[in-house]
mmCIF file of all heavy atoms, coordinates in Angstrom:
data_MODEL
# 
_entry.id   MODEL 
# 
loop_
_atom_site.group_PDB 
_atom_site.id 
_atom_site.type_symbol 
_atom_site.label_atom_id 
_atom_site.label_alt_id 
_atom_site.label_comp_id 
_atom_site.label_asym_id 
_atom_site.label_entity_id 
_atom_site.label_seq_id 
_atom_site.pdbx_PDB_ins_code 
_atom_site.Cartn_x 
_atom_site.Cartn_y 
_atom_site.Cartn_z 
_atom_site.occupancy 
_atom_site.B_iso_or_equiv 
_atom_site.pdbx_formal_charge 
_atom_site.auth_seq_id 
_atom_site.auth_comp_id 
_atom_site.auth_asym_id 
_atom_site.auth_atom_id 
_atom_site.pdbx_PDB_model_num 
ATOM 1   N N   . PHE A 1 1  ? -57.296 -56.016 125.945 1.00 0.00 ? 1  PHE A N   1 
ATOM 2   C CA  . PHE A 1 1  ? -58.431 -55.703 126.698 1.00 0.00 ? 1  PHE A CA  1 
ATOM 3   C C   . PHE A 1 1  ? -59.752 -56.343 126.233 1.00 0.00 ? 1  PHE A C   1 
ATOM 4   O O   . PHE A 1 1  ? -60.819 -55.697 126.350 1.00 0.00 ? 1  PHE A O   1 
ATOM 5   C CB  . PHE A 1 1  ? -58.550 -54.099 126.835 1.00 0.00 ? 1  PHE A CB  1 
ATOM 6   C CG  . PHE A 1 1  ? -57.307 -53.443 127.297 1.00 0.00 ? 1  PHE A CG  1 
ATOM 7   C CD1 . PHE A 1 1  ? -56.554 -52.559 126.445 1.00 0.00 ? 1  PHE A CD1 1 
ATOM 8   C CD2 . PHE A 1 1  ? -56.889 -53.686 128.626 1.00 0.00 ? 1  PHE A CD2 1 
ATOM 9   C CE1 . PHE A 1 1  ? -55.358 -51.951 127.015 1.00 0.00 ? 1  PHE A CE1 1 
ATOM 10  C CE2 . PHE A 1 1  ? -55.682 -52.953 129.144 1.00 0.00 ? 1  PHE A CE2 1 
ATOM 11  C CZ  . PHE A 1 1  ? -55.005 -52.172 128.287 1.00 0.00 ? 1  PHE A CZ  1 
ATOM 12  N N   . ASP A 1 2  ? -59.653 -57.455 125.625 1.00 0.00 ? 2  ASP A N   1 
ATOM 13  C CA  . ASP A 1 2  ? -60.762 -58.218 125.238 1.00 0.00 ? 2  ASP A CA  1 
ATOM 14  C C   . ASP A 1 2  ? -61.720 -57.307 124.334 1.00 0.00 ? 2  ASP A C   1 
ATOM 15  O O   . ASP A 1 2  ? -62.961 -57.547 124.304 1.00 0.00 ? 2  ASP A O   1 
ATOM 16  C CB  . ASP A 1 2  ? -61.585 -58.739 126.373 1.00 0.00 ? 2  ASP A CB  1 
ATOM 17  C CG  . ASP A 1 2  ? -60.785 -59.787 127.228 1.00 0.00 ? 2  ASP A CG  1 
ATOM 18  O OD1 . ASP A 1 2  ? -59.942 -60.520 126.613 1.00 0.00 ? 2  ASP A OD1 1 
ATOM 19  O OD2 . ASP A 1 2  ? -60.918 -59.695 128.480 1.00 0.00 ? 2  ASP A OD2 1 
ATOM 20  N N   . GLY A 1 3  ? -61.145 -56.613 123.464 1.00 0.00 ? 3  GLY A N   1 
ATOM 21  C CA  . GLY A 1 3  ? -61.891 -55.696 122.576 1.00 0.00 ? 3  GLY A CA  1 
ATOM 22  C C   . GLY A 1 3  ? -62.717 -54.565 123.189 1.00 0.00 ? 3  GLY A C   1 
ATOM 23  O O   . GLY A 1 3  ? -63.598 -53.935 122.549 1.00 0.00 ? 3  GLY A O   1 
ATOM 24  N N   . ALA A 1 4  ? -62.405 -54.289 124.461 1.00 0.00 ? 4  ALA A N   1 
ATOM 25  C CA  . ALA A 1 4  ? -63.205 -53.155 125.071 1.00 0.00 ? 4  ALA A CA  1 
ATOM 26  C C   . ALA A 1 4  ? -62.850 -51.849 124.477 1.00 0.00 ? 4  ALA A C   1 
ATOM 27  O O   . ALA A 1 4  ? -61.863 -51.611 123.777 1.00 0.00 ? 4  ALA A O   1 
ATOM 28  C CB  . ALA A 1 4  ? -62.710 -53.055 126.525 1.00 0.00 ? 4  ALA A CB  1 
ATOM 29  N N   . GLN A 1 5  ? -63.821 -50.951 124.547 1.00 0.00 ? 5  GLN A N   1 
ATOM 30  C CA  . GLN A 1 5  ? -63.694 -49.616 123.866 1.00 0.00 ? 5  GLN A CA  1 
ATOM 31  C C   . GLN A 1 5  ? -63.119 -48.623 124.854 1.00 0.00 ? 5  GLN A C   1 
ATOM 32  O O   . GLN A 1 5  ? -63.280 -48.757 126.078 1.00 0.00 ? 5  GLN A O   1 
ATOM 33  C CB  . GLN A 1 5  ? -65.119 -49.100 123.424 1.00 0.00 ? 5  GLN A CB  1 
ATOM 34  C CG  . GLN A 1 5  ? -65.687 -49.953 122.297 1.00 0.00 ? 5  GLN A CG  1 
ATOM 35  C CD  . GLN A 1 5  ? -67.059 -49.433 121.841 1.00 0.00 ? 5  GLN A CD  1 
ATOM 36  O OE1 . GLN A 1 5  ? -67.569 -48.552 122.423 1.00 0.00 ? 5  GLN A OE1 1 
ATOM 37  N NE2 . GLN A 1 5  ? -67.558 -49.967 120.854 1.00 0.00 ? 5  GLN A NE2 1 
ATOM 38  N N   . ASP A 1 6  ? -62.421 -47.596 124.386 1.00 0.00 ? 6  ASP A N   1 
ATOM 39  C CA  . ASP A 1 6  ? -62.060 -46.494 125.182 1.00 0.00 ? 6  ASP A CA  1 
ATOM 40  C C   . ASP A 1 6  ? -63.254 -45.801 125.850 1.00 0.00 ? 6  ASP A C   1 
ATOM 41  O O   . ASP A 1 6  ? -64.321 -45.774 125.154 1.00 0.00 ? 6  ASP A O   1 
ATOM 42  C CB  . ASP A 1 6  ? -61.186 -45.547 124.375 1.00 0.00 ? 6  ASP A CB  1 
ATOM 43  C CG  . ASP A 1 6  ? -59.739 -46.064 124.105 1.00 0.00 ? 6  ASP A CG  1 
ATOM 44  O OD1 . ASP A 1 6  ? -59.448 -47.204 124.546 1.00 0.00 ? 6  ASP A OD1 1 
ATOM 45  O OD2 . ASP A 1 6  ? -58.990 -45.322 123.422 1.00 0.00 ? 6  ASP A OD2 1 
ATOM 46  N N   . TYR A 1 7  ? -62.971 -45.190 126.941 1.00 0.00 ? 7  TYR A N   1 
ATOM 47  C CA  . TYR A 1 7  ? -63.978 -44.308 127.534 1.00 0.00 ? 7  TYR A CA  1 
ATOM 48  C C   . TYR A 1 7  ? -64.191 -43.082 126.705 1.00 0.00 ? 7  TYR A C   1 
ATOM 49  O O   . TYR A 1 7  ? -63.247 -42.633 125.993 1.00 0.00 ? 7  TYR A O   1 
ATOM 50  C CB  . TYR A 1 7  ? -63.651 -43.849 128.888 1.00 0.00 ? 7  TYR A CB  1 
ATOM 51  C CG  . TYR A 1 7  ? -63.899 -44.898 129.963 1.00 0.00 ? 7  TYR A CG  1 
ATOM 52  C CD1 . TYR A 1 7  ? -62.893 -45.863 130.277 1.00 0.00 ? 7  TYR A CD1 1 
ATOM 53  C CD2 . TYR A 1 7  ? -65.036 -44.984 130.654 1.00 0.00 ? 7  TYR A CD2 1 
ATOM 54  C CE1 . TYR A 1 7  ? -63.028 -46.854 131.273 1.00 0.00 ? 7  TYR A CE1 1 
ATOM 55  C CE2 . TYR A 1 7  ? -65.264 -45.886 131.684 1.00 0.00 ? 7  TYR A CE2 1 
ATOM 56  C CZ  . TYR A 1 7  ? -64.255 -46.814 131.985 1.00 0.00 ? 7  TYR A CZ  1 
ATOM 57  O OH  . TYR A 1 7  ? -64.512 -47.839 132.885 1.00 0.00 ? 7  TYR A OH  1 
ATOM 58  N N   . GLN A 1 8  ? -65.326 -42.590 126.692 1.00 0.00 ? 8  GLN A N   1 
ATOM 59  C CA  . GLN A 1 8  ? -65.642 -41.206 126.006 1.00 0.00 ? 8  GLN A CA  1 
ATOM 60  C C   . GLN A 1 8  ? -65.305 -40.091 127.076 1.00 0.00 ? 8  GLN A C   1 
ATOM 61  O O   . GLN A 1 8  ? -65.269 -40.401 128.235 1.00 0.00 ? 8  GLN A O   1 
ATOM 62  C CB  . GLN A 1 8  ? -67.028 -41.168 125.541 1.00 0.00 ? 8  GLN A CB  1 
ATOM 63  C CG  . GLN A 1 8  ? -67.326 -42.184 124.522 1.00 0.00 ? 8  GLN A CG  1 
ATOM 64  C CD  . GLN A 1 8  ? -66.523 -42.245 123.339 1.00 0.00 ? 8  GLN A CD  1 
ATOM 65  O OE1 . GLN A 1 8  ? -66.404 -41.290 122.638 1.00 0.00 ? 8  GLN A OE1 1 
ATOM 66  N NE2 . GLN A 1 8  ? -65.859 -43.389 122.971 1.00 0.00 ? 8  GLN A NE2 1 
ATOM 67  N N   . LYS A 1 9  ? -65.190 -38.913 126.550 1.00 0.00 ? 9  LYS A N   1 
ATOM 68  C CA  . LYS A 1 9  ? -64.962 -37.795 127.459 1.00 0.00 ? 9  LYS A CA  1 
ATOM 69  C C   . LYS A 1 9  ? -65.678 -36.526 127.137 1.00 0.00 ? 9  LYS A C   1 
ATOM 70  O O   . LYS A 1 9  ? -66.091 -36.363 125.920 1.00 0.00 ? 9  LYS A O   1 
ATOM 71  C CB  . LYS A 1 9  ? -63.484 -37.536 127.618 1.00 0.00 ? 9  LYS A CB  1 
ATOM 72  C CG  . LYS A 1 9  ? -62.859 -37.235 126.201 1.00 0.00 ? 9  LYS A CG  1 
ATOM 73  C CD  . LYS A 1 9  ? -61.293 -37.084 126.285 1.00 0.00 ? 9  LYS A CD  1 
ATOM 74  C CE  . LYS A 1 9  ? -60.640 -36.876 125.056 1.00 0.00 ? 9  LYS A CE  1 
ATOM 75  N NZ  . LYS A 1 9  ? -59.134 -36.858 125.105 1.00 0.00 ? 9  LYS A NZ  1 
ATOM 76  N N   . ALA A 1 10 ? -65.890 -35.724 128.117 1.00 0.00 ? 10 ALA A N   1 
ATOM 77  C CA  . ALA A 1 10 ? -66.517 -34.401 127.901 1.00 0.00 ? 10 ALA A CA  1 
ATOM 78  C C   . ALA A 1 10 ? -65.499 -33.446 127.313 1.00 0.00 ? 10 ALA A C   1 
ATOM 79  O O   . ALA A 1 10 ? -64.229 -33.760 127.319 1.00 0.00 ? 10 ALA A O   1 
ATOM 80  C CB  . ALA A 1 10 ? -67.083 -33.833 129.165 1.00 0.00 ? 10 ALA A CB  1 
ATOM 81  N N   . LYS A 1 11 ? -65.857 -32.307 126.833 1.00 0.00 ? 11 LYS A N   1 
ATOM 82  C CA  . LYS A 1 11 ? -64.944 -31.396 126.190 1.00 0.00 ? 11 LYS A CA  1 
ATOM 83  C C   . LYS A 1 11 ? -64.456 -30.321 127.127 1.00 0.00 ? 11 LYS A C   1 
ATOM 84  O O   . LYS A 1 11 ? -63.382 -29.780 126.955 1.00 0.00 ? 11 LYS A O   1 
ATOM 85  C CB  . LYS A 1 11 ? -65.595 -30.806 124.991 1.00 0.00 ? 11 LYS A CB  1 
ATOM 86  C CG  . LYS A 1 11 ? -65.947 -31.824 123.805 1.00 0.00 ? 11 LYS A CG  1 
ATOM 87  C CD  . LYS A 1 11 ? -66.536 -31.167 122.625 1.00 0.00 ? 11 LYS A CD  1 
ATOM 88  C CE  . LYS A 1 11 ? -66.824 -32.179 121.543 1.00 0.00 ? 11 LYS A CE  1 
ATOM 89  N NZ  . LYS A 1 11 ? -67.454 -31.669 120.347 1.00 0.00 ? 11 LYS A NZ  1 
ATOM 90  N N   . VAL A 1 12 ? -65.279 -29.931 128.048 1.00 0.00 ? 12 VAL A N   1 
ATOM 91  C CA  . VAL A 1 12 ? -64.861 -28.713 128.943 1.00 0.00 ? 12 VAL A CA  1 
ATOM 92  C C   . VAL A 1 12 ? -65.217 -29.129 130.362 1.00 0.00 ? 12 VAL A C   1 
ATOM 93  O O   . VAL A 1 12 ? -65.979 -30.015 130.706 1.00 0.00 ? 12 VAL A O   1 
ATOM 94  C CB  . VAL A 1 12 ? -65.732 -27.484 128.557 1.00 0.00 ? 12 VAL A CB  1 
ATOM 95  C CG1 . VAL A 1 12 ? -65.286 -26.939 127.259 1.00 0.00 ? 12 VAL A CG1 1 
ATOM 96  C CG2 . VAL A 1 12 ? -67.213 -27.778 128.695 1.00 0.00 ? 12 VAL A CG2 1 
ATOM 97  N N   . PRO A 1 13 ? -64.425 -28.581 131.362 1.00 0.00 ? 13 PRO A N   1 
ATOM 98  C CA  . PRO A 1 13 ? -64.665 -28.798 132.806 1.00 0.00 ? 13 PRO A CA  1 
ATOM 99  C C   . PRO A 1 13 ? -66.016 -28.457 133.100 1.00 0.00 ? 13 PRO A C   1 
ATOM 100 O O   . PRO A 1 13 ? -66.695 -27.579 132.567 1.00 0.00 ? 13 PRO A O   1 
ATOM 101 C CB  . PRO A 1 13 ? -63.654 -27.948 133.418 1.00 0.00 ? 13 PRO A CB  1 
ATOM 102 C CG  . PRO A 1 13 ? -62.536 -27.597 132.337 1.00 0.00 ? 13 PRO A CG  1 
ATOM 103 C CD  . PRO A 1 13 ? -63.269 -27.625 131.142 1.00 0.00 ? 13 PRO A CD  1 
ATOM 104 N N   . HIS A 1 14 ? -66.547 -29.084 134.234 1.00 0.00 ? 14 HIS A N   1 
ATOM 105 C CA  . HIS A 1 14 ? -67.910 -28.799 134.704 1.00 0.00 ? 14 HIS A CA  1 
ATOM 106 C C   . HIS A 1 14 ? -67.932 -28.362 136.155 1.00 0.00 ? 14 HIS A C   1 
ATOM 107 O O   . HIS A 1 14 ? -67.152 -28.962 136.985 1.00 0.00 ? 14 HIS A O   1 
ATOM 108 C CB  . HIS A 1 14 ? -68.779 -30.074 134.556 1.00 0.00 ? 14 HIS A CB  1 
ATOM 109 C CG  . HIS A 1 14 ? -70.174 -29.921 134.917 1.00 0.00 ? 14 HIS A CG  1 
ATOM 110 N ND1 . HIS A 1 14 ? -71.166 -29.333 134.112 1.00 0.00 ? 14 HIS A ND1 1 
ATOM 111 C CD2 . HIS A 1 14 ? -70.862 -30.116 136.178 1.00 0.00 ? 14 HIS A CD2 1 
ATOM 112 C CE1 . HIS A 1 14 ? -72.322 -29.348 134.759 1.00 0.00 ? 14 HIS A CE1 1 
ATOM 113 N NE2 . HIS A 1 14 ? -72.122 -29.750 135.996 1.00 0.00 ? 14 HIS A NE2 1 
ATOM 114 N N   . ASP A 1 15 ? -68.657 -27.384 136.541 1.00 0.00 ? 15 ASP A N   1 
ATOM 115 C CA  . ASP A 1 15 ? -68.774 -26.973 137.836 1.00 0.00 ? 15 ASP A CA  1 
ATOM 116 C C   . ASP A 1 15 ? -70.142 -27.325 138.423 1.00 0.00 ? 15 ASP A C   1 
ATOM 117 O O   . ASP A 1 15 ? -71.202 -27.180 137.842 1.00 0.00 ? 15 ASP A O   1 
ATOM 118 C CB  . ASP A 1 15 ? -68.610 -25.456 138.068 1.00 0.00 ? 15 ASP A CB  1 
ATOM 119 C CG  . ASP A 1 15 ? -67.187 -24.980 137.641 1.00 0.00 ? 15 ASP A CG  1 
ATOM 120 O OD1 . ASP A 1 15 ? -66.345 -25.766 137.706 1.00 0.00 ? 15 ASP A OD1 1 
ATOM 121 O OD2 . ASP A 1 15 ? -67.035 -23.793 137.435 1.00 0.00 ? 15 ASP A OD2 1 
ATOM 122 N N   . PHE A 1 16 ? -70.097 -27.887 139.758 1.00 0.00 ? 16 PHE A N   1 
ATOM 123 C CA  . PHE A 1 16 ? -71.331 -28.036 140.419 1.00 0.00 ? 16 PHE A CA  1 
ATOM 124 C C   . PHE A 1 16 ? -71.599 -26.854 141.348 1.00 0.00 ? 16 PHE A C   1 
ATOM 125 O O   . PHE A 1 16 ? -70.675 -26.282 141.936 1.00 0.00 ? 16 PHE A O   1 
ATOM 126 C CB  . PHE A 1 16 ? -71.280 -29.250 141.441 1.00 0.00 ? 16 PHE A CB  1 
ATOM 127 C CG  . PHE A 1 16 ? -71.031 -30.579 140.790 1.00 0.00 ? 16 PHE A CG  1 
ATOM 128 C CD1 . PHE A 1 16 ? -70.124 -31.514 141.085 1.00 0.00 ? 16 PHE A CD1 1 
ATOM 129 C CD2 . PHE A 1 16 ? -71.891 -30.940 139.664 1.00 0.00 ? 16 PHE A CD2 1 
ATOM 130 C CE1 . PHE A 1 16 ? -70.012 -32.713 140.492 1.00 0.00 ? 16 PHE A CE1 1 
ATOM 131 C CE2 . PHE A 1 16 ? -71.733 -32.203 138.935 1.00 0.00 ? 16 PHE A CE2 1 
ATOM 132 C CZ  . PHE A 1 16 ? -70.791 -33.068 139.425 1.00 0.00 ? 16 PHE A CZ  1 
ATOM 133 N N   . MET A 1 17 ? -72.901 -26.370 141.422 1.00 0.00 ? 17 MET A N   1 
ATOM 134 C CA  . MET A 1 17 ? -73.136 -25.228 142.232 1.00 0.00 ? 17 MET A CA  1 
ATOM 135 C C   . MET A 1 17 ? -73.744 -25.807 143.508 1.00 0.00 ? 17 MET A C   1 
ATOM 136 O O   . MET A 1 17 ? -74.685 -26.387 143.669 1.00 0.00 ? 17 MET A O   1 
ATOM 137 C CB  . MET A 1 17 ? -74.173 -24.453 141.493 1.00 0.00 ? 17 MET A CB  1 
ATOM 138 C CG  . MET A 1 17 ? -73.794 -23.773 140.257 1.00 0.00 ? 17 MET A CG  1 
ATOM 139 S SD  . MET A 1 17 ? -72.363 -22.646 140.507 1.00 0.00 ? 17 MET A SD  1 
ATOM 140 C CE  . MET A 1 17 ? -73.170 -21.366 141.586 1.00 0.00 ? 17 MET A CE  1 
ATOM 141 N N   . ILE A 1 18 ? -72.942 -25.529 144.592 1.00 0.00 ? 18 ILE A N   1 
ATOM 142 C CA  . ILE A 1 18 ? -73.360 -25.984 145.935 1.00 0.00 ? 18 ILE A CA  1 
ATOM 143 C C   . ILE A 1 18 ? -73.370 -24.755 146.897 1.00 0.00 ? 18 ILE A C   1 
ATOM 144 O O   . ILE A 1 18 ? -72.342 -23.994 146.957 1.00 0.00 ? 18 ILE A O   1 
ATOM 145 C CB  . ILE A 1 18 ? -72.228 -27.011 146.525 1.00 0.00 ? 18 ILE A CB  1 
ATOM 146 C CG1 . ILE A 1 18 ? -72.051 -28.141 145.561 1.00 0.00 ? 18 ILE A CG1 1 
ATOM 147 C CG2 . ILE A 1 18 ? -72.682 -27.555 147.865 1.00 0.00 ? 18 ILE A CG2 1 
ATOM 148 C CD1 . ILE A 1 18 ? -71.003 -29.111 145.844 1.00 0.00 ? 18 ILE A CD1 1 
ATOM 149 N N   . LYS A 1 19 ? -74.567 -24.615 147.520 1.00 0.00 ? 19 LYS A N   1 
ATOM 150 C CA  . LYS A 1 19 ? -74.721 -23.349 148.341 1.00 0.00 ? 19 LYS A CA  1 
ATOM 151 C C   . LYS A 1 19 ? -74.460 -22.155 147.512 1.00 0.00 ? 19 LYS A C   1 
ATOM 152 O O   . LYS A 1 19 ? -73.790 -21.151 148.027 1.00 0.00 ? 19 LYS A O   1 
ATOM 153 C CB  . LYS A 1 19 ? -73.867 -23.406 149.582 1.00 0.00 ? 19 LYS A CB  1 
ATOM 154 C CG  . LYS A 1 19 ? -74.056 -24.657 150.398 1.00 0.00 ? 19 LYS A CG  1 
ATOM 155 C CD  . LYS A 1 19 ? -75.355 -24.612 151.191 1.00 0.00 ? 19 LYS A CD  1 
ATOM 156 C CE  . LYS A 1 19 ? -75.596 -25.832 152.145 1.00 0.00 ? 19 LYS A CE  1 
ATOM 157 N NZ  . LYS A 1 19 ? -76.796 -25.778 152.799 1.00 0.00 ? 19 LYS A NZ  1 
ATOM 158 N N   . GLU A 1 20 ? -74.866 -22.127 146.199 1.00 0.00 ? 20 GLU A N   1 
ATOM 159 C CA  . GLU A 1 20 ? -74.624 -20.999 145.367 1.00 0.00 ? 20 GLU A CA  1 
ATOM 160 C C   . GLU A 1 20 ? -73.158 -20.662 145.164 1.00 0.00 ? 20 GLU A C   1 
ATOM 161 O O   . GLU A 1 20 ? -72.815 -19.615 144.709 1.00 0.00 ? 20 GLU A O   1 
ATOM 162 C CB  . GLU A 1 20 ? -75.302 -19.676 145.865 1.00 0.00 ? 20 GLU A CB  1 
ATOM 163 C CG  . GLU A 1 20 ? -76.901 -19.911 146.019 1.00 0.00 ? 20 GLU A CG  1 
ATOM 164 C CD  . GLU A 1 20 ? -77.541 -18.641 146.468 1.00 0.00 ? 20 GLU A CD  1 
ATOM 165 O OE1 . GLU A 1 20 ? -76.929 -17.749 146.720 1.00 0.00 ? 20 GLU A OE1 1 
ATOM 166 O OE2 . GLU A 1 20 ? -78.831 -18.736 146.467 1.00 0.00 ? 20 GLU A OE2 1 
ATOM 167 N N   . MET A 1 21 ? -72.295 -21.617 145.299 1.00 0.00 ? 21 MET A N   1 
ATOM 168 C CA  . MET A 1 21 ? -70.903 -21.428 145.045 1.00 0.00 ? 21 MET A CA  1 
ATOM 169 C C   . MET A 1 21 ? -70.398 -22.592 144.021 1.00 0.00 ? 21 MET A C   1 
ATOM 170 O O   . MET A 1 21 ? -70.814 -23.807 144.181 1.00 0.00 ? 21 MET A O   1 
ATOM 171 C CB  . MET A 1 21 ? -70.020 -21.663 146.274 1.00 0.00 ? 21 MET A CB  1 
ATOM 172 C CG  . MET A 1 21 ? -70.271 -20.557 147.346 1.00 0.00 ? 21 MET A CG  1 
ATOM 173 S SD  . MET A 1 21 ? -69.358 -20.805 148.853 1.00 0.00 ? 21 MET A SD  1 
ATOM 174 C CE  . MET A 1 21 ? -70.102 -22.340 149.557 1.00 0.00 ? 21 MET A CE  1 
ATOM 175 N N   . PRO A 1 22 ? -69.585 -22.215 143.017 1.00 0.00 ? 22 PRO A N   1 
ATOM 176 C CA  . PRO A 1 22 ? -69.108 -23.219 141.970 1.00 0.00 ? 22 PRO A CA  1 
ATOM 177 C C   . PRO A 1 22 ? -67.976 -24.049 142.624 1.00 0.00 ? 22 PRO A C   1 
ATOM 178 O O   . PRO A 1 22 ? -66.993 -23.539 143.212 1.00 0.00 ? 22 PRO A O   1 
ATOM 179 C CB  . PRO A 1 22 ? -68.596 -22.305 140.955 1.00 0.00 ? 22 PRO A CB  1 
ATOM 180 C CG  . PRO A 1 22 ? -68.149 -21.006 141.590 1.00 0.00 ? 22 PRO A CG  1 
ATOM 181 C CD  . PRO A 1 22 ? -69.107 -20.827 142.708 1.00 0.00 ? 22 PRO A CD  1 
ATOM 182 N N   . PHE A 1 23 ? -68.144 -25.363 142.371 1.00 0.00 ? 23 PHE A N   1 
ATOM 183 C CA  . PHE A 1 23 ? -67.098 -26.346 142.738 1.00 0.00 ? 23 PHE A CA  1 
ATOM 184 C C   . PHE A 1 23 ? -66.713 -27.147 141.498 1.00 0.00 ? 23 PHE A C   1 
ATOM 185 O O   . PHE A 1 23 ? -67.565 -27.763 140.973 1.00 0.00 ? 23 PHE A O   1 
ATOM 186 C CB  . PHE A 1 23 ? -67.551 -27.327 143.794 1.00 0.00 ? 23 PHE A CB  1 
ATOM 187 C CG  . PHE A 1 23 ? -67.686 -26.776 145.205 1.00 0.00 ? 23 PHE A CG  1 
ATOM 188 C CD1 . PHE A 1 23 ? -68.720 -25.764 145.555 1.00 0.00 ? 23 PHE A CD1 1 
ATOM 189 C CD2 . PHE A 1 23 ? -66.773 -27.120 146.238 1.00 0.00 ? 23 PHE A CD2 1 
ATOM 190 C CE1 . PHE A 1 23 ? -68.800 -25.230 146.852 1.00 0.00 ? 23 PHE A CE1 1 
ATOM 191 C CE2 . PHE A 1 23 ? -66.900 -26.551 147.433 1.00 0.00 ? 23 PHE A CE2 1 
ATOM 192 C CZ  . PHE A 1 23 ? -67.881 -25.641 147.846 1.00 0.00 ? 23 PHE A CZ  1 
ATOM 193 N N   . ARG A 1 24 ? -65.498 -26.944 141.051 1.00 0.00 ? 24 ARG A N   1 
ATOM 194 C CA  . ARG A 1 24 ? -64.996 -27.766 139.915 1.00 0.00 ? 24 ARG A CA  1 
ATOM 195 C C   . ARG A 1 24 ? -64.977 -29.263 140.162 1.00 0.00 ? 24 ARG A C   1 
ATOM 196 O O   . ARG A 1 24 ? -64.499 -29.657 141.167 1.00 0.00 ? 24 ARG A O   1 
ATOM 197 C CB  . ARG A 1 24 ? -63.622 -27.220 139.430 1.00 0.00 ? 24 ARG A CB  1 
ATOM 198 C CG  . ARG A 1 24 ? -62.946 -27.917 138.294 1.00 0.00 ? 24 ARG A CG  1 
ATOM 199 C CD  . ARG A 1 24 ? -63.707 -27.675 136.990 1.00 0.00 ? 24 ARG A CD  1 
ATOM 200 N NE  . ARG A 1 24 ? -64.144 -26.345 136.724 1.00 0.00 ? 24 ARG A NE  1 
ATOM 201 C CZ  . ARG A 1 24 ? -63.307 -25.407 136.207 1.00 0.00 ? 24 ARG A CZ  1 
ATOM 202 N NH1 . ARG A 1 24 ? -62.064 -25.703 135.829 1.00 0.00 ? 24 ARG A NH1 1 
ATOM 203 N NH2 . ARG A 1 24 ? -63.764 -24.205 136.027 1.00 0.00 ? 24 ARG A NH2 1 
ATOM 204 N N   . SER A 1 25 ? -65.597 -29.965 139.226 1.00 0.00 ? 25 SER A N   1 
ATOM 205 C CA  . SER A 1 25 ? -65.594 -31.436 139.432 1.00 0.00 ? 25 SER A CA  1 
ATOM 206 C C   . SER A 1 25 ? -64.389 -32.050 138.683 1.00 0.00 ? 25 SER A C   1 
ATOM 207 O O   . SER A 1 25 ? -64.043 -31.723 137.539 1.00 0.00 ? 25 SER A O   1 
ATOM 208 C CB  . SER A 1 25 ? -66.904 -32.001 138.726 1.00 0.00 ? 25 SER A CB  1 
ATOM 209 O OG  . SER A 1 25 ? -66.843 -33.399 138.732 1.00 0.00 ? 25 SER A OG  1 
ATOM 210 N N   . ALA A 1 26 ? -63.715 -32.894 139.422 1.00 0.00 ? 26 ALA A N   1 
ATOM 211 C CA  . ALA A 1 26 ? -62.463 -33.622 138.800 1.00 0.00 ? 26 ALA A CA  1 
ATOM 212 C C   . ALA A 1 26 ? -62.467 -35.040 139.300 1.00 0.00 ? 26 ALA A C   1 
ATOM 213 O O   . ALA A 1 26 ? -62.833 -35.330 140.372 1.00 0.00 ? 26 ALA A O   1 
ATOM 214 C CB  . ALA A 1 26 ? -61.289 -32.861 139.358 1.00 0.00 ? 26 ALA A CB  1 
ATOM 215 N N   . ILE A 1 27 ? -62.044 -35.917 138.428 1.00 0.00 ? 27 ILE A N   1 
ATOM 216 C CA  . ILE A 1 27 ? -61.986 -37.329 138.721 1.00 0.00 ? 27 ILE A CA  1 
ATOM 217 C C   . ILE A 1 27 ? -60.497 -37.866 138.599 1.00 0.00 ? 27 ILE A C   1 
ATOM 218 O O   . ILE A 1 27 ? -59.976 -37.875 137.554 1.00 0.00 ? 27 ILE A O   1 
ATOM 219 C CB  . ILE A 1 27 ? -62.840 -38.140 137.798 1.00 0.00 ? 27 ILE A CB  1 
ATOM 220 C CG1 . ILE A 1 27 ? -64.377 -37.535 137.879 1.00 0.00 ? 27 ILE A CG1 1 
ATOM 221 C CG2 . ILE A 1 27 ? -62.876 -39.679 138.151 1.00 0.00 ? 27 ILE A CG2 1 
ATOM 222 C CD1 . ILE A 1 27 ? -65.363 -38.262 136.894 1.00 0.00 ? 27 ILE A CD1 1 
# 
């Protein structure tokens, strides 16, 4: 991979608050 680095990552899931409701973010 031409010396590319691994991606970094967060430690815990994150929720977006939309219309005062939590929506889990997933990729």
